[in-house]
Amino acid sequence: MSKVQNKYALISVSDKSNIEDIARSLVDLGYTILSTGGTAKYLTSMSIPNVSVSDFTEFEEILGGRVKTLHPKIHAGILAKSLRDLEDCSDVYDLIDIVIVNLYPFEKTISKSSCTYEDAIENIDIGGPAMLRAAAKNHNRVTVITDPNDYTKVIEEIRKNSKTTISLRRYLAHKVFKQTSVYDAAIRNYLYQKNEKTDMIDDFSLVFEKESNLRYGENPHQKAALYEIKSPKFTGFDYIQVSGKELSYNNIVDSESALSCVKQFKKPACVIVKHANPCGVAEGKNINDAYNSAYKTDPTSAFGGIIAFNKKLDDKLLSKILSRQFVEVIIAPSYAKNCLTVLKSKPNVRLLSIKDFSKTPSRYEIKTLKNKLLIQETDDKELKKSDLNIVSKKQPTSLQLEDLMFAFKVSRYVKSNSIIFVKNKKTLAIGAGQMSRIDSTNIAKNKAKNQKINLKGSVMASEAFFPFRDNVDLAKKIGVSSILQPGGSIKDQEIIDVANSHGISMVFSGIRVFKH
């Protein structure tokens, strides 16, 4: 006579969300629940009958609970393709049909500021991943669940068909290997970080998770989606969309650029970005004043732009913006409640609230090629007055030095070759993205002329050195008072001599902020 096979479901979870619901349902459906440690105590407290894994295996857990499910009766019961496989074993084994496991909360543990290295190591799950992987491998027979969101679907199928379908088991197995790969990557990255040297990363695991589909990519014929890097943890553009239609691919790129630029400033500031380039930047006594000055730089380019502030947005300023110009996205650390009322008149305008405005960006940033990743340290080197090297005979005034440092911050986010004209911590004109620097200077000059902005007495900043004298000669004609550049050209002395002959002060920053 063949052995009567009991129906077993093994439950061992750290996240106990809704676990009592599926456990009760399984008991009602004739399953015997096997459980461990904290899960067994929880189920018992909820009056749900269960058998401890120790009683099932006839093996008491050892090493303070480190070894409990790592036992042949557990893994044979999960990995056996059928009861016949177990009949060939010398001991008495039972099939385990359902495995419900989620893992020690490693990522949650290491995210705590109080977490020690020992805490992190103790939260590396061993038995859990082993059971999950075994069950997922044998998904032709075994139903494996690691996500509480799948409990209802599993019970519904068992009630309907007396067992789950192969398509559901295959889907659940996929989720398991996704989960274990993310889990292993988090551990690997944590351990690498603890042993990290001062040079570039040798290797690490990148884990992406889709956040949302986008309407399209850079162009309507390109499909696109937004993915979050789950591991390692990067900080940067973390926002809550308060209003408006969904963000497009280009909106997201421009918004990150605008936010990164405006976060450099301590005083109330506004940055307006169009096509990934700032077209107006200003500091002011308040953000209303800053916005007015930034907008005046280039109203034409500001049309359809992205506007970012570094202080709380109020409803009066929001009303002014919406009545003055077409805007795609407005970004601020926070906003007044009345802003939501104002936005009802423009329901498509996106308002983004930044989750943690004070958080510094990650140490590394990533760009993609067709089949490779480029990784570099984040360009966040702060320019201090002590870094400035005045190389000309003429000395810049203290106000000119302040404007030069302001212009440097703007140039960091303007596509190269970039030329920035500034006065009183307001951009007057910006030249961007040209193959030659003299073209950028001429574009900025012509933009100022079109807006009837007088550049006389302004300072000029370049994000990279001057290889030729032409920009300095043109600066003299424009009426520029002082120039900032990093220096580093073989013609530096010639350029300095030209500045001296024109009576223009010149300052070397020593920091190139070229942006491709």
Protein backbone atom coordinates (compact mmCIF):
# COMPACT_ATOMS: atom_id res chain seq x y z
CA MET A 1 0.00 0.00 0.00
CA SER A 2 1.41 3.39 -0.97
CA LYS A 3 1.89 6.06 1.64
CA VAL A 4 -0.91 8.59 2.18
CA GLN A 5 0.62 11.97 1.33
CA ASN A 6 -0.24 14.89 3.55
CA LYS A 7 -0.35 18.34 1.98
CA TYR A 8 2.39 20.53 3.48
CA ALA A 9 2.96 24.26 3.22
CA LEU A 10 6.14 25.69 4.74
CA ILE A 11 5.88 29.25 6.06
CA SER A 12 8.92 31.20 7.29
CA VAL A 13 8.60 34.97 6.93
CA SER A 14 10.17 38.14 8.25
CA ASP A 15 7.42 40.29 6.73
CA LYS A 16 4.26 38.97 8.37
CA SER A 17 1.86 41.17 6.39
CA ASN A 18 -1.40 39.21 5.86
CA ILE A 19 0.35 35.92 6.65
CA GLU A 20 -2.50 34.85 8.97
CA ASP A 21 -4.99 35.14 6.06
CA ILE A 22 -3.18 32.76 3.73
CA ALA A 23 -2.25 30.42 6.59
CA ARG A 24 -5.90 30.07 7.69
CA SER A 25 -6.98 29.55 4.09
CA LEU A 26 -4.40 26.79 3.62
CA VAL A 27 -5.49 25.05 6.81
CA ASP A 28 -9.12 25.21 5.61
CA LEU A 29 -7.94 23.64 2.32
CA GLY A 30 -6.37 20.71 4.16
CA TYR A 31 -2.75 21.77 4.37
CA THR A 32 -0.48 21.17 7.34
CA ILE A 33 1.53 24.30 8.09
CA LEU A 34 5.24 23.90 8.82
CA SER A 35 6.81 26.98 10.41
CA THR A 36 9.89 28.28 12.15
CA GLY A 37 10.81 30.49 15.11
CA GLY A 38 9.06 33.83 15.07
CA THR A 39 6.61 32.73 12.38
CA ALA A 40 5.49 29.73 14.47
CA LYS A 41 5.00 31.95 17.53
CA TYR A 42 2.98 34.45 15.49
CA LEU A 43 0.73 31.81 13.92
CA THR A 44 0.18 30.17 17.30
CA SER A 45 -0.75 33.55 18.80
CA MET A 46 -3.36 33.86 16.04
CA SER A 47 -4.71 30.37 16.93
CA ILE A 48 -3.56 28.91 13.61
CA PRO A 49 -2.37 25.28 13.99
CA ASN A 50 1.18 24.65 12.81
CA VAL A 51 4.00 22.14 13.18
CA SER A 52 7.46 23.44 13.97
CA VAL A 53 10.17 22.58 11.48
CA SER A 54 12.17 21.06 14.35
CA ASP A 55 9.36 18.59 15.07
CA PHE A 56 8.95 17.85 11.37
CA THR A 57 12.66 17.16 10.83
CA GLU A 58 13.21 15.70 14.33
CA PHE A 59 16.25 17.97 14.50
CA GLU A 60 16.53 20.84 16.98
CA GLU A 61 17.81 24.08 15.47
CA ILE A 62 21.41 24.89 16.39
CA LEU A 63 23.81 27.84 16.39
CA GLY A 64 21.19 30.17 17.78
CA GLY A 65 18.82 29.46 14.92
CA ARG A 66 21.37 29.74 12.11
CA VAL A 67 20.72 26.11 11.19
CA LYS A 68 17.08 25.00 11.21
CA THR A 69 15.70 24.67 7.66
CA LEU A 70 19.00 23.48 6.17
CA HIS A 71 17.96 19.85 6.52
CA PRO A 72 17.43 16.97 4.02
CA LYS A 73 13.79 16.51 5.03
CA ILE A 74 13.09 20.12 4.07
CA HIS A 75 15.08 20.26 0.85
CA ALA A 76 14.18 16.77 -0.31
CA GLY A 77 10.53 17.61 0.29
CA ILE A 78 10.88 20.77 -1.81
CA LEU A 79 13.13 19.45 -4.59
CA ALA A 80 11.51 16.06 -5.22
CA LYS A 81 9.69 16.00 -8.54
CA SER A 82 7.19 13.46 -7.25
CA LEU A 83 6.48 11.10 -4.33
CA ARG A 84 8.24 8.34 -6.24
CA ASP A 85 11.54 10.27 -5.91
CA LEU A 86 11.17 10.12 -2.13
CA GLU A 87 10.37 6.39 -2.06
CA ASP A 88 13.93 5.70 -3.18
CA CYS A 89 15.32 7.46 -0.07
CA SER A 90 16.40 5.44 2.94
CA ASP A 91 14.53 7.71 5.36
CA VAL A 92 10.87 8.75 5.48
CA TYR A 93 10.27 12.00 3.60
CA ASP A 94 7.19 14.04 2.67
CA LEU A 95 6.52 16.32 -0.27
CA ILE A 96 6.26 20.02 0.48
CA ASP A 97 3.86 21.60 -1.99
CA ILE A 98 3.91 25.27 -1.02
CA VAL A 99 6.81 27.40 0.23
CA ILE A 100 6.09 30.87 1.61
CA VAL A 101 9.32 32.62 2.53
CA ASN A 102 10.59 36.16 2.63
CA LEU A 103 14.04 37.10 3.74
CA TYR A 104 15.75 38.76 6.67
CA PRO A 105 15.44 42.53 6.07
CA PHE A 106 19.06 43.13 5.09
CA GLU A 107 18.52 46.39 3.18
CA LYS A 108 16.23 47.80 5.86
CA THR A 109 18.83 46.93 8.49
CA ILE A 110 21.77 48.60 6.74
CA SER A 111 19.70 51.71 6.01
CA LYS A 112 19.58 52.49 9.75
CA SER A 113 22.22 54.92 10.98
CA SER A 114 22.68 52.76 14.09
CA CYS A 115 23.46 49.61 12.07
CA THR A 116 26.82 48.05 12.90
CA TYR A 117 28.79 45.75 10.65
CA GLU A 118 27.87 42.84 12.95
CA ASP A 119 24.16 43.74 12.66
CA ALA A 120 24.42 43.66 8.89
CA ILE A 121 26.15 40.28 8.80
CA GLU A 122 23.58 38.71 11.14
CA ASN A 123 20.83 39.85 8.77
CA ILE A 124 22.24 37.90 5.84
CA ASP A 125 19.66 35.15 5.32
CA ILE A 126 21.02 31.69 4.42
CA GLY A 127 18.18 29.20 4.84
CA GLY A 128 15.59 31.49 3.25
CA PRO A 129 17.31 31.94 -0.13
CA ALA A 130 18.16 28.21 -0.18
CA MET A 131 14.48 27.25 0.23
CA LEU A 132 13.30 29.90 -2.24
CA ARG A 133 15.75 28.84 -4.92
CA ALA A 134 14.97 25.15 -4.42
CA ALA A 135 11.23 25.77 -4.65
CA ALA A 136 11.59 28.07 -7.66
CA LYS A 137 13.75 25.52 -9.45
CA ASN A 138 11.07 22.88 -8.85
CA HIS A 139 8.18 25.16 -9.84
CA ASN A 140 6.80 22.46 -12.10
CA ARG A 141 5.35 21.04 -8.86
CA VAL A 142 5.97 23.53 -6.04
CA THR A 143 4.24 26.86 -5.52
CA VAL A 144 6.67 29.40 -4.06
CA ILE A 145 5.63 32.80 -2.72
CA THR A 146 7.93 35.59 -1.57
CA ASP A 147 5.63 38.59 -2.08
CA PRO A 148 2.55 39.03 0.20
CA ASN A 149 0.75 40.66 -2.74
CA ASP A 150 0.51 37.18 -4.34
CA TYR A 151 -1.28 35.46 -1.44
CA THR A 152 -4.81 36.12 -2.69
CA LYS A 153 -4.11 34.94 -6.24
CA VAL A 154 -2.63 31.65 -5.00
CA ILE A 155 -5.57 30.87 -2.71
CA GLU A 156 -8.07 31.74 -5.45
CA GLU A 157 -6.43 29.29 -7.86
CA ILE A 158 -6.22 26.48 -5.31
CA ARG A 159 -9.89 26.90 -4.42
CA LYS A 160 -10.83 26.90 -8.08
CA ASN A 161 -8.57 24.11 -9.39
CA SER A 162 -7.40 22.32 -6.20
CA LYS A 163 -3.89 23.45 -7.14
CA THR A 164 -2.11 26.36 -8.81
CA THR A 165 -1.60 26.55 -12.57
CA ILE A 166 1.82 26.09 -14.13
CA SER A 167 1.68 29.63 -15.53
CA LEU A 168 1.25 31.08 -12.03
CA ARG A 169 4.00 28.88 -10.60
CA ARG A 170 6.36 29.96 -13.39
CA TYR A 171 5.54 33.63 -12.71
CA LEU A 172 6.14 33.18 -8.98
CA ALA A 173 9.45 31.40 -9.65
CA HIS A 174 10.56 34.36 -11.76
CA LYS A 175 9.76 36.70 -8.87
CA VAL A 176 11.85 34.56 -6.53
CA PHE A 177 14.99 34.73 -8.64
CA LYS A 178 14.44 38.45 -9.08
CA GLN A 179 14.21 38.80 -5.29
CA THR A 180 17.26 36.66 -4.53
CA SER A 181 19.37 38.44 -7.15
CA VAL A 182 18.46 41.83 -5.65
CA TYR A 183 19.17 40.49 -2.18
CA ASP A 184 22.57 39.09 -3.13
CA ALA A 185 23.46 42.31 -4.95
CA ALA A 186 22.65 44.38 -1.86
CA ILE A 187 24.92 42.20 0.27
CA ARG A 188 27.69 42.24 -2.31
CA ASN A 189 27.57 46.01 -2.65
CA TYR A 190 27.52 46.52 1.12
CA LEU A 191 30.57 44.32 1.64
CA TYR A 192 32.39 46.00 -1.25
CA GLN A 193 31.62 49.41 0.22
CA LYS A 194 33.11 48.36 3.54
CA ASN A 195 36.32 47.35 1.77
CA GLU A 196 36.31 50.18 -0.78
CA LYS A 197 39.59 51.79 -1.71
CA THR A 198 40.04 55.41 -2.74
CA ASP A 199 40.26 54.60 -6.47
CA MET A 200 37.35 53.79 -8.79
CA ILE A 201 35.04 50.85 -8.19
CA ASP A 202 36.43 47.58 -9.56
CA ASP A 203 32.99 46.04 -9.98
CA PHE A 204 29.57 46.04 -8.38
CA SER A 205 26.07 44.78 -9.06
CA LEU A 206 23.51 47.17 -10.50
CA VAL A 207 19.90 46.24 -9.87
CA PHE A 208 17.19 48.17 -11.71
CA GLU A 209 13.46 48.11 -11.11
CA LYS A 210 10.94 49.66 -13.46
CA GLU A 211 9.27 52.67 -11.85
CA SER A 212 6.94 53.55 -14.72
CA ASN A 213 6.43 53.43 -18.45
CA LEU A 214 6.88 56.75 -20.22
CA ARG A 215 4.72 58.07 -23.03
CA TYR A 216 7.80 57.87 -25.28
CA GLY A 217 11.53 58.52 -25.26
CA GLU A 218 13.39 61.48 -26.70
CA ASN A 219 11.13 61.23 -29.75
CA PRO A 220 7.59 59.86 -30.22
CA HIS A 221 8.74 56.80 -32.16
CA GLN A 222 10.97 55.62 -29.26
CA LYS A 223 9.50 53.52 -26.45
CA ALA A 224 10.87 54.34 -22.99
CA ALA A 225 10.52 53.60 -19.29
CA LEU A 226 11.91 55.01 -16.06
CA TYR A 227 13.92 52.63 -13.88
CA GLU A 228 15.12 53.11 -10.33
CA ILE A 229 18.53 51.81 -9.29
CA LYS A 230 17.61 49.60 -6.33
CA SER A 231 21.16 48.52 -5.52
CA PRO A 232 23.56 50.08 -4.80
CA LYS A 233 21.61 52.98 -3.37
CA PHE A 234 22.14 56.22 -5.30
CA THR A 235 20.82 59.58 -4.15
CA GLY A 236 19.87 62.40 -6.47
CA PHE A 237 16.57 63.14 -8.22
CA ASP A 238 14.02 61.80 -5.73
CA TYR A 239 10.69 63.58 -6.07
CA ILE A 240 6.95 63.39 -5.49
CA GLN A 241 4.81 64.48 -8.44
CA VAL A 242 2.13 66.67 -6.92
CA SER A 243 0.21 67.55 -10.07
CA GLY A 244 0.16 67.49 -13.85
CA LYS A 245 0.30 64.91 -16.59
CA GLU A 246 2.96 62.22 -16.57
CA LEU A 247 6.55 63.25 -17.05
CA SER A 248 8.19 62.65 -20.40
CA TYR A 249 11.71 61.35 -20.98
CA ASN A 250 13.01 64.84 -21.77
CA ASN A 251 11.14 66.35 -18.81
CA ILE A 252 13.00 64.01 -16.45
CA VAL A 253 16.41 64.73 -17.96
CA ASP A 254 15.84 68.51 -17.84
CA SER A 255 14.37 68.40 -14.34
CA GLU A 256 17.37 66.59 -12.90
CA SER A 257 19.67 69.18 -14.50
CA ALA A 258 17.62 72.09 -13.11
CA LEU A 259 17.49 70.60 -9.62
CA SER A 260 21.22 69.83 -9.55
CA CYS A 261 22.04 73.39 -10.59
CA VAL A 262 19.73 75.18 -8.15
CA LYS A 263 20.87 73.05 -5.19
CA GLN A 264 24.30 74.73 -5.42
CA PHE A 265 22.92 78.02 -4.12
CA LYS A 266 22.33 78.95 -0.48
CA LYS A 267 20.38 82.20 -1.01
CA PRO A 268 16.96 82.13 -2.70
CA ALA A 269 17.60 81.06 -6.29
CA CYS A 270 15.83 80.13 -9.50
CA VAL A 271 17.11 78.07 -12.43
CA ILE A 272 15.24 77.83 -15.74
CA VAL A 273 16.35 74.95 -17.98
CA LYS A 274 15.56 74.27 -21.63
CA HIS A 275 16.92 71.24 -23.46
CA ALA A 276 19.20 70.30 -20.53
CA ASN A 277 20.83 73.77 -20.48
CA PRO A 278 20.18 76.59 -18.03
CA CYS A 279 18.79 79.58 -19.96
CA GLY A 280 18.41 81.78 -16.89
CA VAL A 281 19.80 81.64 -13.35
CA ALA A 282 19.61 84.15 -10.53
CA GLU A 283 19.82 84.66 -6.80
CA GLY A 284 17.55 87.22 -5.13
CA LYS A 285 16.20 88.47 -1.85
CA ASN A 286 13.41 85.90 -2.34
CA ILE A 287 12.49 83.38 -5.03
CA ASN A 288 10.06 85.80 -6.67
CA ASP A 289 12.92 88.23 -7.21
CA ALA A 290 15.17 85.37 -8.38
CA TYR A 291 12.55 84.13 -10.85
CA ASN A 292 12.06 87.60 -12.37
CA SER A 293 15.80 87.97 -12.97
CA ALA A 294 16.24 84.43 -14.33
CA TYR A 295 13.30 84.87 -16.71
CA LYS A 296 14.64 88.17 -18.09
CA THR A 297 17.85 86.46 -19.23
CA ASP A 298 16.12 84.68 -22.10
CA PRO A 299 12.29 84.77 -22.14
CA THR A 300 12.20 83.09 -25.55
CA SER A 301 14.06 79.99 -24.35
CA ALA A 302 12.18 79.98 -21.04
CA PHE A 303 9.00 79.15 -22.99
CA GLY A 304 8.24 75.47 -22.34
CA GLY A 305 11.09 75.22 -19.87
CA ILE A 306 11.70 73.63 -16.49
CA ILE A 307 11.78 75.97 -13.47
CA ALA A 308 13.53 74.96 -10.25
CA PHE A 309 13.66 76.76 -6.92
CA ASN A 310 15.69 76.10 -3.78
CA LYS A 311 13.05 77.52 -1.41
CA LYS A 312 9.35 76.89 -0.74
CA LEU A 313 7.02 77.84 -3.60
CA ASP A 314 4.09 80.15 -2.76
CA ASP A 315 0.80 80.51 -4.64
CA LYS A 316 1.38 84.15 -5.68
CA LEU A 317 4.60 83.31 -7.50
CA LEU A 318 3.00 80.22 -9.04
CA SER A 319 0.13 82.36 -10.36
CA LYS A 320 2.62 84.81 -11.86
CA ILE A 321 4.55 82.02 -13.61
CA LEU A 322 1.42 80.44 -15.08
CA SER A 323 0.11 83.78 -16.34
CA ARG A 324 3.45 84.83 -17.81
CA GLN A 325 4.75 81.75 -19.61
CA PHE A 326 4.16 78.19 -20.72
CA VAL A 327 6.03 75.87 -18.35
CA GLU A 328 6.43 72.11 -18.42
CA VAL A 329 7.66 71.40 -14.87
CA ILE A 330 8.09 73.40 -11.67
CA ILE A 331 10.38 72.00 -8.95
CA ALA A 332 10.68 73.09 -5.33
CA PRO A 333 11.64 71.64 -1.94
CA SER A 334 8.05 72.27 -0.78
CA TYR A 335 4.97 74.29 -1.70
CA ALA A 336 2.12 76.22 -0.11
CA LYS A 337 -1.21 74.37 0.04
CA ASN A 338 -2.90 77.08 -2.04
CA CYS A 339 -0.63 76.09 -4.96
CA LEU A 340 -2.94 73.13 -5.59
CA THR A 341 -5.87 75.49 -6.08
CA VAL A 342 -3.86 77.64 -8.49
CA LEU A 343 -2.85 74.57 -10.51
CA LYS A 344 -6.48 73.68 -11.21
CA SER A 345 -6.42 76.26 -13.98
CA LYS A 346 -3.41 74.51 -15.57
CA PRO A 347 -3.96 70.79 -14.85
CA ASN A 348 -1.16 69.65 -17.20
CA VAL A 349 1.61 71.57 -15.43
CA ARG A 350 3.74 69.21 -13.36
CA LEU A 351 4.70 70.30 -9.87
CA LEU A 352 7.46 68.24 -8.29
CA SER A 353 8.23 68.32 -4.58
CA ILE A 354 11.73 67.10 -3.72
CA LYS A 355 11.74 64.42 -1.02
CA ASP A 356 14.95 65.42 0.75
CA PHE A 357 16.32 68.63 -0.69
CA SER A 358 19.31 68.72 1.65
CA LYS A 359 20.55 65.26 0.70
CA THR A 360 23.88 65.28 -1.13
CA PRO A 361 24.14 63.41 -4.44
CA SER A 362 25.78 60.00 -4.69
CA ARG A 363 29.52 59.79 -5.02
CA TYR A 364 29.23 58.25 -8.48
CA GLU A 365 27.16 58.99 -11.56
CA ILE A 366 26.41 56.72 -14.50
CA LYS A 367 26.01 57.22 -18.23
CA THR A 368 25.15 54.47 -20.68
CA LEU A 369 26.53 53.47 -24.03
CA LYS A 370 24.97 50.88 -26.32
CA ASN A 371 26.67 48.02 -24.51
CA LYS A 372 28.72 49.58 -21.70
CA LEU A 373 28.41 51.86 -18.68
CA LEU A 374 30.50 54.92 -18.02
CA ILE A 375 30.94 55.57 -14.30
CA GLN A 376 32.62 58.60 -12.87
CA GLU A 377 32.78 60.49 -9.61
CA THR A 378 30.07 63.12 -9.32
CA ASP A 379 31.20 66.61 -10.32
CA ASP A 380 30.55 68.30 -7.00
CA LYS A 381 33.88 69.93 -6.18
CA GLU A 382 33.12 73.22 -4.50
CA LEU A 383 34.95 76.32 -5.70
CA LYS A 384 36.17 78.43 -2.77
CA LYS A 385 37.69 81.88 -2.77
CA SER A 386 40.92 80.33 -1.57
CA ASP A 387 41.01 78.28 -4.80
CA LEU A 388 41.01 81.39 -6.99
CA ASN A 389 44.28 82.45 -8.58
CA ILE A 390 44.30 86.04 -9.82
CA VAL A 391 46.74 85.92 -12.75
CA SER A 392 46.23 89.41 -14.23
CA LYS A 393 47.77 92.72 -13.19
CA LYS A 394 44.33 94.17 -12.59
CA GLN A 395 42.62 92.88 -9.46
CA PRO A 396 38.90 92.01 -9.54
CA THR A 397 36.69 93.70 -6.96
CA SER A 398 35.05 91.68 -4.21
CA LEU A 399 31.68 91.98 -5.99
CA GLN A 400 33.24 90.77 -9.23
CA LEU A 401 34.71 87.76 -7.41
CA GLU A 402 31.25 86.92 -6.05
CA ASP A 403 29.81 87.12 -9.57
CA LEU A 404 32.62 85.00 -10.98
CA MET A 405 31.94 82.25 -8.46
CA PHE A 406 28.21 82.48 -9.24
CA ALA A 407 29.00 82.18 -12.97
CA PHE A 408 31.19 79.15 -12.27
CA LYS A 409 28.22 77.35 -10.66
CA VAL A 410 26.08 78.06 -13.71
CA SER A 411 28.78 76.99 -16.18
CA ARG A 412 28.94 73.56 -14.48
CA TYR A 413 25.48 72.76 -15.87
CA VAL A 414 25.77 74.37 -19.31
CA LYS A 415 26.76 72.08 -22.15
CA SER A 416 30.25 72.81 -23.40
CA ASN A 417 31.56 74.95 -24.86
CA SER A 418 29.90 77.33 -22.41
CA ILE A 419 30.16 81.07 -21.86
CA ILE A 420 28.29 82.76 -19.03
CA PHE A 421 27.81 86.51 -18.52
CA VAL A 422 26.80 87.54 -14.98
CA LYS A 423 26.22 90.72 -13.02
CA ASN A 424 24.85 91.04 -9.48
CA LYS A 425 24.40 87.25 -9.27
CA LYS A 426 22.11 87.17 -12.28
CA THR A 427 22.82 85.63 -15.64
CA LEU A 428 22.68 88.23 -18.41
CA ALA A 429 23.44 85.86 -21.28
CA ILE A 430 24.43 82.22 -21.80
CA GLY A 431 26.13 80.62 -24.79
CA ALA A 432 25.99 76.82 -24.86
CA GLY A 433 26.80 73.64 -26.71
CA GLN A 434 28.89 74.95 -29.57
CA MET A 435 31.81 73.25 -31.27
CA SER A 436 33.95 76.36 -30.73
CA ARG A 437 34.07 78.66 -27.72
CA ILE A 438 34.04 81.85 -29.79
CA ASP A 439 30.69 80.77 -31.27
CA SER A 440 29.27 80.37 -27.76
CA THR A 441 30.51 83.85 -26.86
CA ASN A 442 28.93 85.36 -29.97
CA ILE A 443 25.63 83.54 -29.32
CA ALA A 444 25.52 84.89 -25.75
CA LYS A 445 26.35 88.40 -26.97
CA ASN A 446 23.63 88.30 -29.62
CA LYS A 447 21.05 86.93 -27.19
CA ALA A 448 21.77 89.82 -24.84
CA LYS A 449 21.45 92.29 -27.72
CA ASN A 450 18.08 90.80 -28.73
CA GLN A 451 16.83 91.17 -25.15
CA LYS A 452 18.31 94.69 -24.92
CA ILE A 453 20.54 93.59 -22.05
CA ASN A 454 23.71 95.63 -21.60
CA LEU A 455 26.71 93.38 -20.91
CA LYS A 456 29.07 96.24 -20.08
CA GLY A 457 30.65 95.72 -16.67
CA SER A 458 29.58 92.08 -16.46
CA VAL A 459 31.89 89.18 -15.65
CA MET A 460 32.42 86.28 -18.03
CA ALA A 461 33.05 82.65 -17.10
CA SER A 462 34.20 79.73 -19.21
CA GLU A 463 33.99 76.13 -17.99
CA ALA A 464 37.24 75.23 -19.82
CA PHE A 465 40.42 77.04 -20.74
CA PHE A 466 40.89 79.46 -23.66
CA PRO A 467 43.10 77.94 -26.35
CA PHE A 468 43.09 81.20 -28.33
CA ARG A 469 42.90 84.93 -27.59
CA ASP A 470 39.74 85.54 -29.64
CA ASN A 471 37.35 85.24 -26.67
CA VAL A 472 39.35 87.75 -24.64
CA ASP A 473 39.43 90.19 -27.55
CA LEU A 474 35.66 89.88 -27.95
CA ALA A 475 35.21 90.29 -24.18
CA LYS A 476 37.02 93.63 -24.43
CA LYS A 477 34.63 94.80 -27.18
CA ILE A 478 31.63 93.71 -25.10
CA GLY A 479 32.88 95.58 -22.05
CA VAL A 480 33.56 92.62 -19.75
CA SER A 481 35.25 93.60 -16.50
CA SER A 482 36.61 90.24 -15.34
CA ILE A 483 37.04 86.71 -16.69
CA LEU A 484 37.06 83.33 -14.92
CA GLN A 485 38.53 80.24 -16.55
CA PRO A 486 40.26 77.13 -15.20
CA GLY A 487 43.59 77.69 -16.94
CA GLY A 488 45.70 74.83 -18.21
CA SER A 489 46.31 75.77 -21.83
CA ILE A 490 49.81 75.88 -23.29
CA LYS A 491 48.87 79.43 -24.28
CA ASP A 492 47.89 80.53 -20.77
CA GLN A 493 50.60 83.23 -20.59
CA GLU A 494 49.59 84.62 -23.99
CA ILE A 495 45.96 84.80 -22.83
CA ILE A 496 47.00 86.52 -19.59
CA ASP A 497 49.04 89.04 -21.56
CA VAL A 498 46.04 89.82 -23.75
CA ALA A 499 43.86 90.34 -20.66
CA ASN A 500 46.49 92.70 -19.24
CA SER A 501 46.67 94.68 -22.48
CA HIS A 502 42.89 95.09 -22.40
CA GLY A 503 42.77 96.05 -18.72
CA ILE A 504 40.59 93.04 -17.87
CA SER A 505 41.15 91.12 -14.66
CA MET A 506 41.53 87.36 -15.10
CA VAL A 507 41.10 84.63 -12.51
CA PHE A 508 42.02 80.95 -12.82
CA SER A 509 39.73 78.57 -10.94
CA GLY A 510 41.94 75.53 -11.43
CA ILE A 511 38.77 73.45 -11.86
CA ARG A 512 37.46 72.44 -15.27
CA VAL A 513 33.73 71.63 -15.32
CA PHE A 514 33.35 70.60 -18.96
CA LYS A 515 29.98 68.98 -19.57
CA HIS A 516 29.38 66.80 -22.62
